[in-house]
Amino acid sequence: MANKKRVALPWGALYSTGTSAIFHPSTLWLTASDVNSVRGAFELQLLESDAMVSLAYQTANVENSPDGPTAIGTYASSNGVSYPGAWADISAATDEKQLIRFGFLVKNNANSTRNWVRAGGFVEVSDG
């Protein structure tokens, strides 16, 4: 049977500056060997303009040389709660990695102005 745990993503103020996503880490680095699949939920408040937000993860073998972030699920573009979706298998991304951390990807839909949003939530992690 798979072991599951919940990782909190504390409330924070996040920003975007264009259509390229910015990763905002919300956890410390965790051991990646126990992570095969993930899902999560989050809430957005005070979303400005055309900002879009997604849960995300980032892997690394050493803390100062992380891989690019990867979205978990789809982007949300309105205030409110995004409930857990299906489990996403990320074992190919964690097989050869020592570390993983979770957070949010934030980007603008179309413009390049700075947009802000408050977000908080959790990620559920499974080793099976």
Foldseek 3Di string as FASTA:
>chain_A
DKDKDKFWQDKDKDKAQAAFKDWDFRDDKDFLLQFFKKKKKKFKDPWDDQKKKFKWKWFAQDPVDIDDIDGDDDIDGDGGMDGIDDIDGPCVVRVPTGIMTITMIMHGPGDRHMIMMIMIIMMMGISD
